[in-house]
Amino acid sequence: MMRSKFDQQLELLNVEMIAMGALCENAIASAAKALLEKDMALADNAIAIDREIDQKERVIEDLCLRLLLQQQPVAKDLRQISSALKMITDMERIGDQAADISEIVKREMAYGKNDSTHIGDMALAAIKMVTDSIDAFVRRDLALARRVMDDDDTVDGFFNQIKGELIRLLKTEPNRSEYAVDLLMVAKYLERIGDHAVNIAEWVEYSVTGVHRNSEITQREKSR
């Protein structure tokens, strides 16, 4: 009976993680679309979603702590719960970075058209990484988690393309340096979102295998 209730709460954890992941996806999408369409309402929406993400982090943290205290989890359960606690920190930072992009968008409205053709593509690639990393956790899909790690190269590639575009822009229109710096910061935030998705995928790998790419974590597990 106790185990049945524990399993139900583990399933609730999955549901809450999916919900938090969806909020992250919406925040990134709203921020990127706000940039591309010069839409103040979408920028404000991404900032509001960031506050929802912060609330969801507290809900999941509380659920994880209750799961740990309610019953002595077996090793597999313990890895799943501890991984979720690590993952929500990365998801909370993803929300922060979407909000940071939106703050730049609100400041950048006066600059006119967007010269970068790859910001939208980069945002879509980052969203896919976040979505896939959460799906990998819920499905305990090791192959999908490792694809997320590989997909980071795509996001990094877009960052390098955007940086090249902005360097060329500055050569032809040096008076637009403030705009170029802002757009570079947006690209940097998207790159960091990709990095957070990789962190999430690495915790998925740990939750499934008991091995983290940071060997110190694995050594601590073995010493228990």
N, C-alpha and C. Protein backbone atom coordinates (compact mmCIF):
# COMPACT_ATOMS: atom_id res chain seq x y z
N MET A 1 0.83 -1.20 0.00
CA MET A 1 0.00 0.00 0.00
C MET A 1 0.87 1.25 0.00
N MET A 2 1.88 1.26 0.90
CA MET A 2 2.78 2.40 0.98
C MET A 2 3.51 2.60 -0.34
N ARG A 3 3.97 1.47 -0.95
CA ARG A 3 4.69 1.57 -2.22
C ARG A 3 3.78 2.09 -3.31
N SER A 4 2.52 1.67 -3.30
CA SER A 4 1.56 2.14 -4.30
C SER A 4 1.41 3.66 -4.23
N LYS A 5 1.29 4.19 -3.02
CA LYS A 5 1.17 5.64 -2.84
C LYS A 5 2.46 6.33 -3.29
N PHE A 6 3.59 5.72 -2.97
CA PHE A 6 4.89 6.26 -3.38
C PHE A 6 4.98 6.33 -4.90
N ASP A 7 4.56 5.27 -5.59
CA ASP A 7 4.57 5.24 -7.05
C ASP A 7 3.66 6.31 -7.64
N GLN A 8 2.50 6.54 -6.99
CA GLN A 8 1.60 7.59 -7.46
C GLN A 8 2.26 8.96 -7.36
N GLN A 9 3.01 9.17 -6.28
CA GLN A 9 3.67 10.46 -6.11
C GLN A 9 4.84 10.61 -7.07
N LEU A 10 5.51 9.49 -7.39
CA LEU A 10 6.55 9.54 -8.41
C LEU A 10 5.95 9.93 -9.76
N GLU A 11 4.75 9.39 -10.06
CA GLU A 11 4.07 9.75 -11.30
C GLU A 11 3.69 11.22 -11.28
N LEU A 12 3.25 11.72 -10.13
CA LEU A 12 2.94 13.15 -10.00
C LEU A 12 4.19 13.99 -10.26
N LEU A 13 5.33 13.50 -9.78
CA LEU A 13 6.59 14.20 -10.05
C LEU A 13 6.83 14.32 -11.55
N ASN A 14 6.59 13.24 -12.29
CA ASN A 14 6.74 13.29 -13.74
C ASN A 14 5.81 14.33 -14.36
N VAL A 15 4.56 14.35 -13.90
CA VAL A 15 3.58 15.31 -14.42
C VAL A 15 4.03 16.74 -14.17
N GLU A 16 4.53 16.99 -12.96
CA GLU A 16 4.98 18.35 -12.61
C GLU A 16 6.23 18.74 -13.41
N MET A 17 7.11 17.77 -13.64
CA MET A 17 8.30 18.06 -14.44
C MET A 17 7.93 18.39 -15.87
N ILE A 18 6.95 17.67 -16.42
CA ILE A 18 6.47 17.97 -17.78
C ILE A 18 5.89 19.38 -17.82
N ALA A 19 5.11 19.74 -16.79
CA ALA A 19 4.49 21.06 -16.75
C ALA A 19 5.55 22.15 -16.66
N MET A 20 6.59 21.94 -15.85
CA MET A 20 7.65 22.93 -15.74
C MET A 20 8.42 23.04 -17.06
N GLY A 21 8.66 21.90 -17.70
CA GLY A 21 9.32 21.91 -19.00
C GLY A 21 8.52 22.68 -20.04
N ALA A 22 7.19 22.49 -20.03
CA ALA A 22 6.33 23.20 -20.98
C ALA A 22 6.38 24.71 -20.74
N LEU A 23 6.44 25.11 -19.47
CA LEU A 23 6.57 26.54 -19.16
C LEU A 23 7.88 27.09 -19.72
N CYS A 24 8.96 26.32 -19.58
CA CYS A 24 10.25 26.75 -20.12
C CYS A 24 10.17 26.92 -21.64
N GLU A 25 9.55 25.93 -22.31
CA GLU A 25 9.41 26.02 -23.77
C GLU A 25 8.63 27.27 -24.15
N ASN A 26 7.53 27.53 -23.45
CA ASN A 26 6.70 28.70 -23.76
C ASN A 26 7.44 30.00 -23.51
N ALA A 27 8.25 30.03 -22.45
CA ALA A 27 9.00 31.25 -22.14
C ALA A 27 10.01 31.56 -23.25
N ILE A 28 10.75 30.51 -23.69
CA ILE A 28 11.74 30.73 -24.76
C ILE A 28 11.03 31.14 -26.05
N ALA A 29 9.94 30.45 -26.39
CA ALA A 29 9.21 30.75 -27.63
C ALA A 29 8.67 32.17 -27.61
N SER A 30 8.10 32.59 -26.48
CA SER A 30 7.56 33.95 -26.38
C SER A 30 8.66 34.99 -26.50
N ALA A 31 9.79 34.74 -25.84
CA ALA A 31 10.90 35.70 -25.90
C ALA A 31 11.46 35.82 -27.31
N ALA A 32 11.63 34.67 -27.99
CA ALA A 32 12.19 34.70 -29.35
C ALA A 32 11.21 35.35 -30.32
N LYS A 33 9.93 35.03 -30.20
CA LYS A 33 8.94 35.63 -31.09
C LYS A 33 8.81 37.13 -30.83
N ALA A 34 8.92 37.52 -29.56
CA ALA A 34 8.90 38.95 -29.23
C ALA A 34 10.02 39.69 -29.93
N LEU A 35 11.20 39.05 -29.97
CA LEU A 35 12.34 39.66 -30.64
C LEU A 35 12.10 39.79 -32.15
N LEU A 36 11.63 38.71 -32.75
CA LEU A 36 11.48 38.68 -34.20
C LEU A 36 10.34 39.57 -34.68
N GLU A 37 9.28 39.70 -33.84
CA GLU A 37 8.09 40.45 -34.27
C GLU A 37 7.97 41.80 -33.57
N LYS A 38 8.94 42.16 -32.74
CA LYS A 38 8.90 43.43 -31.99
C LYS A 38 7.61 43.54 -31.22
N ASP A 39 7.29 42.49 -30.45
CA ASP A 39 6.00 42.40 -29.77
C ASP A 39 6.20 42.54 -28.26
N MET A 40 5.84 43.70 -27.72
CA MET A 40 6.03 43.97 -26.29
C MET A 40 5.20 43.03 -25.42
N ALA A 41 3.98 42.70 -25.88
CA ALA A 41 3.11 41.82 -25.08
C ALA A 41 3.74 40.44 -24.92
N LEU A 42 4.37 39.92 -25.97
CA LEU A 42 5.03 38.62 -25.88
C LEU A 42 6.24 38.68 -24.94
N ALA A 43 6.96 39.79 -24.98
CA ALA A 43 8.09 39.96 -24.06
C ALA A 43 7.60 39.95 -22.62
N ASP A 44 6.52 40.67 -22.35
CA ASP A 44 5.94 40.69 -21.00
C ASP A 44 5.45 39.30 -20.60
N ASN A 45 4.92 38.55 -21.59
CA ASN A 45 4.42 37.20 -21.31
C ASN A 45 5.56 36.27 -20.87
N ALA A 46 6.71 36.37 -21.54
CA ALA A 46 7.86 35.54 -21.16
C ALA A 46 8.31 35.85 -19.74
N ILE A 47 8.28 37.12 -19.38
CA ILE A 47 8.67 37.53 -18.02
C ILE A 47 7.67 36.98 -17.00
N ALA A 48 6.38 37.01 -17.34
CA ALA A 48 5.36 36.46 -16.44
C ALA A 48 5.51 34.95 -16.30
N ILE A 49 5.84 34.27 -17.39
CA ILE A 49 6.03 32.81 -17.33
C ILE A 49 7.22 32.47 -16.43
N ASP A 50 8.24 33.32 -16.46
CA ASP A 50 9.39 33.07 -15.58
C ASP A 50 8.95 33.02 -14.12
N ARG A 51 8.02 33.86 -13.73
CA ARG A 51 7.51 33.83 -12.35
C ARG A 51 6.77 32.53 -12.08
N GLU A 52 6.03 32.02 -13.08
CA GLU A 52 5.35 30.73 -12.92
C GLU A 52 6.37 29.59 -12.77
N ILE A 53 7.47 29.69 -13.52
CA ILE A 53 8.52 28.67 -13.43
C ILE A 53 9.11 28.66 -12.02
N ASP A 54 9.33 29.84 -11.45
CA ASP A 54 9.86 29.93 -10.09
C ASP A 54 8.91 29.24 -9.09
N GLN A 55 7.61 29.46 -9.28
CA GLN A 55 6.62 28.83 -8.39
C GLN A 55 6.62 27.31 -8.57
N LYS A 56 6.71 26.88 -9.82
CA LYS A 56 6.71 25.44 -10.10
C LYS A 56 7.95 24.78 -9.50
N GLU A 57 9.09 25.47 -9.53
CA GLU A 57 10.29 24.92 -8.91
C GLU A 57 10.05 24.64 -7.43
N ARG A 58 9.39 25.56 -6.73
CA ARG A 58 9.13 25.37 -5.30
C ARG A 58 8.18 24.20 -5.06
N VAL A 59 7.17 24.04 -5.93
CA VAL A 59 6.22 22.91 -5.81
C VAL A 59 6.95 21.58 -5.97
N ILE A 60 7.81 21.49 -6.99
CA ILE A 60 8.52 20.23 -7.26
C ILE A 60 9.54 19.94 -6.16
N GLU A 61 10.20 20.97 -5.71
CA GLU A 61 11.16 20.79 -4.62
C GLU A 61 10.48 20.22 -3.38
N ASP A 62 9.31 20.76 -3.06
CA ASP A 62 8.54 20.27 -1.91
C ASP A 62 8.12 18.82 -2.11
N LEU A 63 7.67 18.49 -3.33
CA LEU A 63 7.25 17.12 -3.63
C LEU A 63 8.43 16.16 -3.49
N CYS A 64 9.59 16.55 -4.00
CA CYS A 64 10.77 15.68 -3.91
C CYS A 64 11.16 15.43 -2.45
N LEU A 65 11.12 16.47 -1.65
CA LEU A 65 11.49 16.32 -0.24
C LEU A 65 10.50 15.40 0.48
N ARG A 66 9.21 15.53 0.15
CA ARG A 66 8.21 14.64 0.75
C ARG A 66 8.43 13.19 0.33
N LEU A 67 8.81 12.99 -0.93
CA LEU A 67 9.10 11.64 -1.40
C LEU A 67 10.29 11.03 -0.66
N LEU A 68 11.29 11.85 -0.41
CA LEU A 68 12.48 11.36 0.29
C LEU A 68 12.19 11.03 1.75
N LEU A 69 11.29 11.79 2.35
CA LEU A 69 11.00 11.60 3.78
C LEU A 69 9.94 10.54 4.03
N GLN A 70 9.07 10.35 3.03
CA GLN A 70 7.92 9.46 3.23
C GLN A 70 8.33 8.00 3.32
N GLN A 71 9.29 7.60 2.51
CA GLN A 71 9.68 6.18 2.46
C GLN A 71 11.14 6.11 2.06
N GLN A 72 11.86 5.17 2.60
CA GLN A 72 13.27 5.02 2.23
C GLN A 72 13.33 4.55 0.77
N PRO A 73 13.70 5.44 -0.16
CA PRO A 73 13.67 5.03 -1.58
C PRO A 73 14.78 4.03 -1.89
N VAL A 74 14.50 3.14 -2.82
CA VAL A 74 15.55 2.27 -3.34
C VAL A 74 16.47 3.12 -4.21
N ALA A 75 17.63 2.56 -4.59
CA ALA A 75 18.64 3.35 -5.28
C ALA A 75 18.10 4.01 -6.55
N LYS A 76 17.31 3.24 -7.33
CA LYS A 76 16.77 3.78 -8.58
C LYS A 76 15.86 4.98 -8.31
N ASP A 77 14.98 4.86 -7.31
CA ASP A 77 14.08 5.96 -6.96
C ASP A 77 14.86 7.17 -6.46
N LEU A 78 15.87 6.89 -5.65
CA LEU A 78 16.67 7.97 -5.09
C LEU A 78 17.36 8.76 -6.20
N ARG A 79 17.87 8.06 -7.20
CA ARG A 79 18.51 8.74 -8.32
C ARG A 79 17.51 9.59 -9.10
N GLN A 80 16.30 9.04 -9.29
CA GLN A 80 15.27 9.79 -10.02
C GLN A 80 14.90 11.07 -9.28
N ILE A 81 14.72 10.98 -7.97
CA ILE A 81 14.30 12.15 -7.19
C ILE A 81 15.43 13.17 -7.10
N SER A 82 16.65 12.68 -6.82
CA SER A 82 17.77 13.62 -6.70
C SER A 82 18.08 14.28 -8.04
N SER A 83 17.90 13.53 -9.14
CA SER A 83 18.10 14.11 -10.47
C SER A 83 17.07 15.20 -10.75
N ALA A 84 15.82 14.94 -10.36
CA ALA A 84 14.77 15.95 -10.56
C ALA A 84 15.10 17.23 -9.81
N LEU A 85 15.63 17.10 -8.60
CA LEU A 85 16.01 18.28 -7.82
C LEU A 85 17.10 19.09 -8.53
N LYS A 86 18.04 18.40 -9.16
CA LYS A 86 19.09 19.10 -9.91
C LYS A 86 18.52 19.72 -11.18
N MET A 87 17.63 19.00 -11.85
CA MET A 87 17.09 19.46 -13.13
C MET A 87 16.25 20.73 -12.99
N ILE A 88 15.49 20.83 -11.90
CA ILE A 88 14.63 22.01 -11.76
C ILE A 88 15.46 23.28 -11.56
N THR A 89 16.67 23.13 -11.04
CA THR A 89 17.56 24.29 -10.94
C THR A 89 17.93 24.79 -12.34
N ASP A 90 18.24 23.86 -13.24
CA ASP A 90 18.54 24.26 -14.62
C ASP A 90 17.31 24.83 -15.31
N MET A 91 16.14 24.24 -15.06
CA MET A 91 14.92 24.77 -15.69
C MET A 91 14.60 26.17 -15.18
N GLU A 92 14.83 26.40 -13.88
CA GLU A 92 14.59 27.74 -13.34
C GLU A 92 15.51 28.76 -14.01
N ARG A 93 16.74 28.36 -14.28
CA ARG A 93 17.69 29.27 -14.94
C ARG A 93 17.30 29.50 -16.40
N ILE A 94 16.73 28.48 -17.03
CA ILE A 94 16.22 28.66 -18.40
C ILE A 94 15.14 29.74 -18.41
N GLY A 95 14.24 29.69 -17.41
CA GLY A 95 13.21 30.73 -17.31
C GLY A 95 13.82 32.10 -17.11
N ASP A 96 14.85 32.19 -16.27
CA ASP A 96 15.53 33.47 -16.05
C ASP A 96 16.11 34.00 -17.35
N GLN A 97 16.71 33.12 -18.14
CA GLN A 97 17.35 33.58 -19.37
C GLN A 97 16.34 33.99 -20.42
N ALA A 98 15.19 33.31 -20.47
CA ALA A 98 14.11 33.76 -21.36
C ALA A 98 13.63 35.16 -20.95
N ALA A 99 13.53 35.39 -19.64
CA ALA A 99 13.13 36.71 -19.15
C ALA A 99 14.19 37.75 -19.48
N ASP A 100 15.47 37.38 -19.37
CA ASP A 100 16.56 38.30 -19.71
C ASP A 100 16.49 38.68 -21.19
N ILE A 101 16.21 37.70 -22.05
CA ILE A 101 16.04 38.00 -23.48
C ILE A 101 14.91 39.01 -23.67
N SER A 102 13.82 38.80 -22.95
CA SER A 102 12.67 39.69 -23.09
C SER A 102 12.99 41.11 -22.64
N GLU A 103 13.78 41.23 -21.60
CA GLU A 103 14.19 42.57 -21.15
C GLU A 103 15.01 43.27 -22.24
N ILE A 104 15.87 42.51 -22.91
CA ILE A 104 16.64 43.08 -24.03
C ILE A 104 15.70 43.48 -25.16
N VAL A 105 14.72 42.62 -25.46
CA VAL A 105 13.76 42.92 -26.53
C VAL A 105 13.05 44.23 -26.25
N LYS A 106 12.61 44.43 -25.01
CA LYS A 106 11.89 45.66 -24.67
C LYS A 106 12.77 46.89 -24.86
N ARG A 107 14.06 46.74 -24.60
CA ARG A 107 14.99 47.85 -24.80
C ARG A 107 15.32 48.03 -26.27
N GLU A 108 15.24 46.93 -27.03
CA GLU A 108 15.71 46.90 -28.42
C GLU A 108 14.65 47.29 -29.44
N MET A 109 13.42 47.55 -28.96
CA MET A 109 12.30 47.83 -29.87
C MET A 109 12.62 48.96 -30.86
N ALA A 110 13.39 49.92 -30.40
CA ALA A 110 13.62 51.11 -31.22
C ALA A 110 14.63 50.90 -32.35
N TYR A 111 15.27 49.71 -32.36
CA TYR A 111 16.36 49.52 -33.33
C TYR A 111 15.89 49.21 -34.74
N GLY A 112 14.62 48.93 -34.92
CA GLY A 112 14.15 48.61 -36.26
C GLY A 112 14.25 47.13 -36.57
N LYS A 113 14.44 46.79 -37.82
CA LYS A 113 14.36 45.38 -38.23
C LYS A 113 15.52 44.56 -37.66
N ASN A 114 15.24 43.27 -37.56
CA ASN A 114 16.23 42.33 -37.05
C ASN A 114 17.08 41.82 -38.22
N ASP A 115 18.40 42.00 -38.13
CA ASP A 115 19.27 41.62 -39.24
C ASP A 115 19.73 40.17 -39.19
N SER A 116 19.55 39.51 -38.07
CA SER A 116 20.02 38.13 -37.96
C SER A 116 18.96 37.16 -38.45
N THR A 117 19.34 36.31 -39.39
CA THR A 117 18.38 35.35 -39.94
C THR A 117 18.35 34.05 -39.13
N HIS A 118 19.22 33.92 -38.13
CA HIS A 118 19.35 32.64 -37.44
C HIS A 118 18.86 32.64 -36.00
N ILE A 119 18.44 33.78 -35.47
CA ILE A 119 17.96 33.82 -34.08
C ILE A 119 16.75 32.89 -33.90
N GLY A 120 15.79 32.97 -34.83
CA GLY A 120 14.60 32.12 -34.74
C GLY A 120 14.96 30.65 -34.81
N ASP A 121 15.89 30.29 -35.71
CA ASP A 121 16.33 28.90 -35.84
C ASP A 121 17.03 28.44 -34.57
N MET A 122 17.84 29.32 -33.99
CA MET A 122 18.56 28.97 -32.77
C MET A 122 17.58 28.74 -31.61
N ALA A 123 16.56 29.61 -31.54
CA ALA A 123 15.55 29.45 -30.48
C ALA A 123 14.81 28.13 -30.63
N LEU A 124 14.44 27.77 -31.86
CA LEU A 124 13.75 26.49 -32.09
C LEU A 124 14.62 25.31 -31.68
N ALA A 125 15.91 25.39 -32.00
CA ALA A 125 16.83 24.30 -31.64
C ALA A 125 16.96 24.19 -30.12
N ALA A 126 17.01 25.35 -29.43
CA ALA A 126 17.12 25.34 -27.96
C ALA A 126 15.85 24.78 -27.33
N ILE A 127 14.69 25.17 -27.86
CA ILE A 127 13.41 24.65 -27.35
C ILE A 127 13.36 23.13 -27.50
N LYS A 128 13.80 22.64 -28.65
CA LYS A 128 13.78 21.19 -28.90
C LYS A 128 14.67 20.47 -27.88
N MET A 129 15.82 21.05 -27.57
CA MET A 129 16.71 20.43 -26.59
C MET A 129 16.04 20.35 -25.22
N VAL A 130 15.36 21.43 -24.82
CA VAL A 130 14.68 21.44 -23.52
C VAL A 130 13.57 20.39 -23.50
N THR A 131 12.74 20.38 -24.55
CA THR A 131 11.63 19.42 -24.65
C THR A 131 12.14 17.99 -24.59
N ASP A 132 13.17 17.70 -25.38
CA ASP A 132 13.69 16.33 -25.44
C ASP A 132 14.33 15.91 -24.12
N SER A 133 14.98 16.84 -23.43
CA SER A 133 15.63 16.47 -22.17
C SER A 133 14.59 16.10 -21.12
N ILE A 134 13.47 16.83 -21.08
CA ILE A 134 12.40 16.49 -20.12
C ILE A 134 11.73 15.18 -20.52
N ASP A 135 11.47 14.99 -21.82
CA ASP A 135 10.89 13.73 -22.30
C ASP A 135 11.79 12.55 -21.94
N ALA A 136 13.09 12.76 -22.08
CA ALA A 136 14.03 11.68 -21.76
C ALA A 136 13.95 11.30 -20.28
N PHE A 137 13.75 12.30 -19.41
CA PHE A 137 13.63 12.02 -17.98
C PHE A 137 12.37 11.21 -17.69
N VAL A 138 11.25 11.67 -18.23
CA VAL A 138 9.98 11.01 -17.95
C VAL A 138 9.96 9.59 -18.51
N ARG A 139 10.51 9.41 -19.71
CA ARG A 139 10.51 8.10 -20.36
C ARG A 139 11.73 7.25 -19.98
N ARG A 140 12.65 7.86 -19.21
CA ARG A 140 13.91 7.19 -18.87
C ARG A 140 14.60 6.68 -20.14
N ASP A 141 14.67 7.59 -21.11
CA ASP A 141 15.16 7.28 -22.46
C ASP A 141 16.61 7.76 -22.58
N LEU A 142 17.52 6.83 -22.39
CA LEU A 142 18.95 7.17 -22.40
C LEU A 142 19.41 7.65 -23.78
N ALA A 143 18.90 7.03 -24.83
CA ALA A 143 19.31 7.42 -26.19
C ALA A 143 18.88 8.86 -26.48
N LEU A 144 17.67 9.22 -26.06
CA LEU A 144 17.19 10.59 -26.30
C LEU A 144 18.02 11.59 -25.50
N ALA A 145 18.36 11.25 -24.26
CA ALA A 145 19.20 12.14 -23.45
C ALA A 145 20.54 12.39 -24.15
N ARG A 146 21.10 11.35 -24.71
CA ARG A 146 22.41 11.50 -25.37
C ARG A 146 22.28 12.28 -26.68
N ARG A 147 21.12 12.20 -27.34
CA ARG A 147 20.90 13.02 -28.54
C ARG A 147 20.86 14.50 -28.16
N VAL A 148 20.27 14.79 -27.00
CA VAL A 148 20.24 16.19 -26.53
C VAL A 148 21.67 16.71 -26.39
N MET A 149 22.53 15.90 -25.81
CA MET A 149 23.93 16.32 -25.65
C MET A 149 24.57 16.60 -27.01
N ASP A 150 24.28 15.77 -27.99
CA ASP A 150 24.82 15.97 -29.34
C ASP A 150 24.23 17.22 -29.99
N ASP A 151 22.95 17.49 -29.71
CA ASP A 151 22.27 18.63 -30.34
C ASP A 151 22.85 19.97 -29.89
N ASP A 152 23.61 19.96 -28.82
CA ASP A 152 24.23 21.21 -28.36
C ASP A 152 25.16 21.77 -29.43
N ASP A 153 25.73 20.90 -30.26
CA ASP A 153 26.60 21.37 -31.34
C ASP A 153 25.82 22.22 -32.33
N THR A 154 24.54 21.88 -32.56
CA THR A 154 23.70 22.65 -33.48
C THR A 154 23.47 24.06 -32.94
N VAL A 155 23.14 24.16 -31.66
CA VAL A 155 22.91 25.46 -31.04
C VAL A 155 24.20 26.29 -31.06
N ASP A 156 25.32 25.64 -30.74
CA ASP A 156 26.61 26.35 -30.79
C ASP A 156 26.92 26.83 -32.20
N GLY A 157 26.55 26.02 -33.19
CA GLY A 157 26.77 26.42 -34.59
C GLY A 157 25.97 27.65 -34.96
N PHE A 158 24.71 27.71 -34.51
CA PHE A 158 23.90 28.90 -34.76
C PHE A 158 24.51 30.12 -34.08
N PHE A 159 25.04 29.93 -32.87
CA PHE A 159 25.66 31.06 -32.17
C PHE A 159 26.82 31.61 -32.99
N ASN A 160 27.64 30.73 -33.54
CA ASN A 160 28.79 31.18 -34.33
C ASN A 160 28.33 31.88 -35.61
N GLN A 161 27.24 31.39 -36.23
CA GLN A 161 26.71 32.06 -37.42
C GLN A 161 26.22 33.46 -37.09
N ILE A 162 25.48 33.58 -36.00
CA ILE A 162 24.94 34.88 -35.60
C ILE A 162 26.09 35.84 -35.27
N LYS A 163 27.10 35.34 -34.58
CA LYS A 163 28.26 36.18 -34.25
C LYS A 163 28.92 36.69 -35.53
N GLY A 164 29.04 35.81 -36.53
CA GLY A 164 29.62 36.21 -37.81
C GLY A 164 28.77 37.27 -38.50
N GLU A 165 27.44 37.09 -38.46
CA GLU A 165 26.54 38.08 -39.06
C GLU A 165 26.70 39.45 -38.41
N LEU A 166 26.82 39.45 -37.11
CA LEU A 166 26.92 40.72 -36.38
C LEU A 166 28.27 41.39 -36.62
N ILE A 167 29.32 40.61 -36.77
CA ILE A 167 30.63 41.19 -37.10
C ILE A 167 30.56 41.87 -38.46
N ARG A 168 29.90 41.22 -39.43
CA ARG A 168 29.75 41.82 -40.76
C ARG A 168 28.90 43.08 -40.69
N LEU A 169 27.84 43.04 -39.86
CA LEU A 169 26.98 44.22 -39.70
C LEU A 169 27.78 45.41 -39.16
N LEU A 170 28.62 45.16 -38.18
CA LEU A 170 29.40 46.24 -37.57
C LEU A 170 30.40 46.84 -38.55
N LYS A 171 30.88 46.02 -39.48
CA LYS A 171 31.82 46.53 -40.48
C LYS A 171 31.12 47.49 -41.45
N THR A 172 29.86 47.20 -41.75
CA THR A 172 29.14 48.04 -42.72
C THR A 172 28.34 49.16 -42.05
N GLU A 173 27.90 48.91 -40.79
CA GLU A 173 27.09 49.91 -40.07
C GLU A 173 27.60 50.04 -38.63
N PRO A 174 28.77 50.66 -38.44
CA PRO A 174 29.35 50.74 -37.10
C PRO A 174 28.49 51.53 -36.10
N ASN A 175 27.57 52.34 -36.60
CA ASN A 175 26.70 53.11 -35.71
C ASN A 175 25.65 52.22 -35.01
N ARG A 176 25.56 50.96 -35.40
CA ARG A 176 24.57 50.05 -34.80
C ARG A 176 25.21 49.11 -33.78
N SER A 177 26.27 49.56 -33.17
CA SER A 177 27.01 48.70 -32.23
C SER A 177 26.15 48.28 -31.04
N GLU A 178 25.31 49.18 -30.52
CA GLU A 178 24.49 48.84 -29.36
C GLU A 178 23.50 47.73 -29.71
N TYR A 179 22.91 47.85 -30.89
CA TYR A 179 21.99 46.80 -31.36
C TYR A 179 22.72 45.46 -31.49
N ALA A 180 23.94 45.49 -32.07
CA ALA A 180 24.69 44.26 -32.29
C ALA A 180 25.04 43.59 -30.96
N VAL A 181 25.42 44.39 -29.97
CA VAL A 181 25.76 43.83 -28.65
C VAL A 181 24.52 43.19 -28.02
N ASP A 182 23.37 43.85 -28.14
CA ASP A 182 22.14 43.30 -27.58
C ASP A 182 21.78 41.97 -28.24
N LEU A 183 21.89 41.93 -29.57
CA LEU A 183 21.53 40.69 -30.28
C LEU A 183 22.52 39.57 -29.94
N LEU A 184 23.77 39.93 -29.77
CA LEU A 184 24.77 38.93 -29.37
C LEU A 184 24.44 38.38 -27.98
N MET A 185 23.96 39.25 -27.08
CA MET A 185 23.57 38.79 -25.75
C MET A 185 22.39 37.83 -25.83
N VAL A 186 21.42 38.12 -26.71
CA VAL A 186 20.29 37.21 -26.89
C VAL A 186 20.80 35.84 -27.33
N ALA A 187 21.70 35.83 -28.31
CA ALA A 187 22.26 34.57 -28.80
C ALA A 187 23.01 33.85 -27.68
N LYS A 188 23.71 34.61 -26.84
CA LYS A 188 24.46 34.01 -25.73
C LYS A 188 23.50 33.37 -24.73
N TYR A 189 22.38 34.03 -24.46
CA TYR A 189 21.39 33.45 -23.55
C TYR A 189 20.82 32.15 -24.13
N LEU A 190 20.55 32.14 -25.44
CA LEU A 190 20.05 30.91 -26.07
C LEU A 190 21.10 29.80 -26.00
N GLU A 191 22.36 30.17 -26.16
CA GLU A 191 23.42 29.17 -26.03
C GLU A 191 23.45 28.59 -24.62
N ARG A 192 23.26 29.45 -23.61
CA ARG A 192 23.24 28.98 -22.23
C ARG A 192 22.04 28.08 -21.96
N ILE A 193 20.91 28.40 -22.59
CA ILE A 193 19.73 27.53 -22.46
C ILE A 193 20.06 26.14 -22.99
N GLY A 194 20.77 26.08 -24.11
CA GLY A 194 21.21 24.79 -24.63
C GLY A 194 22.11 24.07 -23.64
N ASP A 195 23.00 24.82 -22.98
CA ASP A 195 23.89 24.22 -21.98
C ASP A 195 23.08 23.64 -20.81
N HIS A 196 22.04 24.37 -20.39
CA HIS A 196 21.21 23.87 -19.29
C HIS A 196 20.47 22.60 -19.71
N ALA A 197 20.03 22.55 -20.97
CA ALA A 197 19.37 21.33 -21.46
C ALA A 197 20.34 20.14 -21.43
N VAL A 198 21.61 20.40 -21.76
CA VAL A 198 22.63 19.35 -21.68
C VAL A 198 22.80 18.89 -20.23
N ASN A 199 22.83 19.85 -19.30
CA ASN A 199 22.92 19.48 -17.88
C ASN A 199 21.77 18.56 -17.48
N ILE A 200 20.55 18.92 -17.93
CA ILE A 200 19.38 18.10 -17.62
C ILE A 200 19.56 16.70 -18.19
N ALA A 201 20.02 16.63 -19.44
CA ALA A 201 20.23 15.32 -20.09
C ALA A 201 21.27 14.49 -19.34
N GLU A 202 22.29 15.15 -18.82
CA GLU A 202 23.31 14.41 -18.05
C GLU A 202 22.73 13.85 -16.75
N TRP A 203 21.80 14.60 -16.13
CA TRP A 203 21.15 14.07 -14.93
C TRP A 203 20.19 12.94 -15.27
N VAL A 204 19.60 12.99 -16.47
CA VAL A 204 18.78 11.86 -16.93
C VAL A 204 19.66 10.62 -17.05
N GLU A 205 20.82 10.79 -17.66
CA GLU A 205 21.75 9.67 -17.82
C GLU A 205 22.11 9.09 -16.45
N TYR A 206 22.37 9.97 -15.50
CA TYR A 206 22.70 9.51 -14.14
C TYR A 206 21.53 8.76 -13.50
N SER A 207 20.30 9.30 -13.69
CA SER A 207 19.14 8.66 -13.06
C SER A 207 18.91 7.26 -13.60
N VAL A 208 19.29 7.03 -14.85
CA VAL A 208 19.09 5.71 -15.47
C VAL A 208 20.24 4.76 -15.16
N THR A 209 21.48 5.27 -15.25
CA THR A 209 22.66 4.39 -15.18
C THR A 209 23.38 4.42 -13.84
N GLY A 210 23.17 5.47 -13.05
CA GLY A 210 23.93 5.64 -11.82
C GLY A 210 25.31 6.20 -12.07
N VAL A 211 25.60 6.57 -13.32
CA VAL A 211 26.90 7.15 -13.68
C VAL A 211 26.68 8.56 -14.22
N HIS A 212 27.36 9.52 -13.62
CA HIS A 212 27.31 10.90 -14.10
C HIS A 212 28.63 11.23 -14.78
N ARG A 213 28.57 12.08 -15.79
CA ARG A 213 29.79 12.43 -16.52
C ARG A 213 30.79 13.17 -15.64
N ASN A 214 30.29 13.77 -14.57
CA ASN A 214 31.17 14.31 -13.53
C ASN A 214 31.53 13.14 -12.62
N SER A 215 32.75 12.63 -12.73
CA SER A 215 33.13 11.39 -12.05
C SER A 215 33.04 11.50 -10.54
N GLU A 216 33.15 12.74 -9.99
CA GLU A 216 33.08 12.88 -8.53
C GLU A 216 31.72 12.44 -8.00
N ILE A 217 30.65 12.74 -8.76
CA ILE A 217 29.31 12.35 -8.34
C ILE A 217 29.20 10.83 -8.32
N THR A 218 29.72 10.18 -9.36
CA THR A 218 29.68 8.73 -9.43
C THR A 218 30.49 8.11 -8.29
N GLN A 219 31.63 8.69 -7.98
CA GLN A 219 32.45 8.15 -6.90
C GLN A 219 31.75 8.26 -5.55
N ARG A 220 31.03 9.39 -5.33
CA ARG A 220 30.27 9.54 -4.08
C ARG A 220 29.20 8.47 -3.98
N GLU A 221 28.55 8.18 -5.11
CA GLU A 221 27.49 7.15 -5.12
C GLU A 221 28.10 5.79 -4.76
N LYS A 222 29.26 5.49 -5.30
CA LYS A 222 29.88 4.19 -5.05
C LYS A 222 30.35 4.05 -3.60
N SER A 223 30.70 5.18 -3.00
CA SER A 223 31.24 5.12 -1.64
C SER A 223 30.16 4.98 -0.58
N ARG A 224 28.87 5.15 -0.97
CA ARG A 224 27.79 5.06 0.02
C ARG A 224 27.56 3.62 0.43
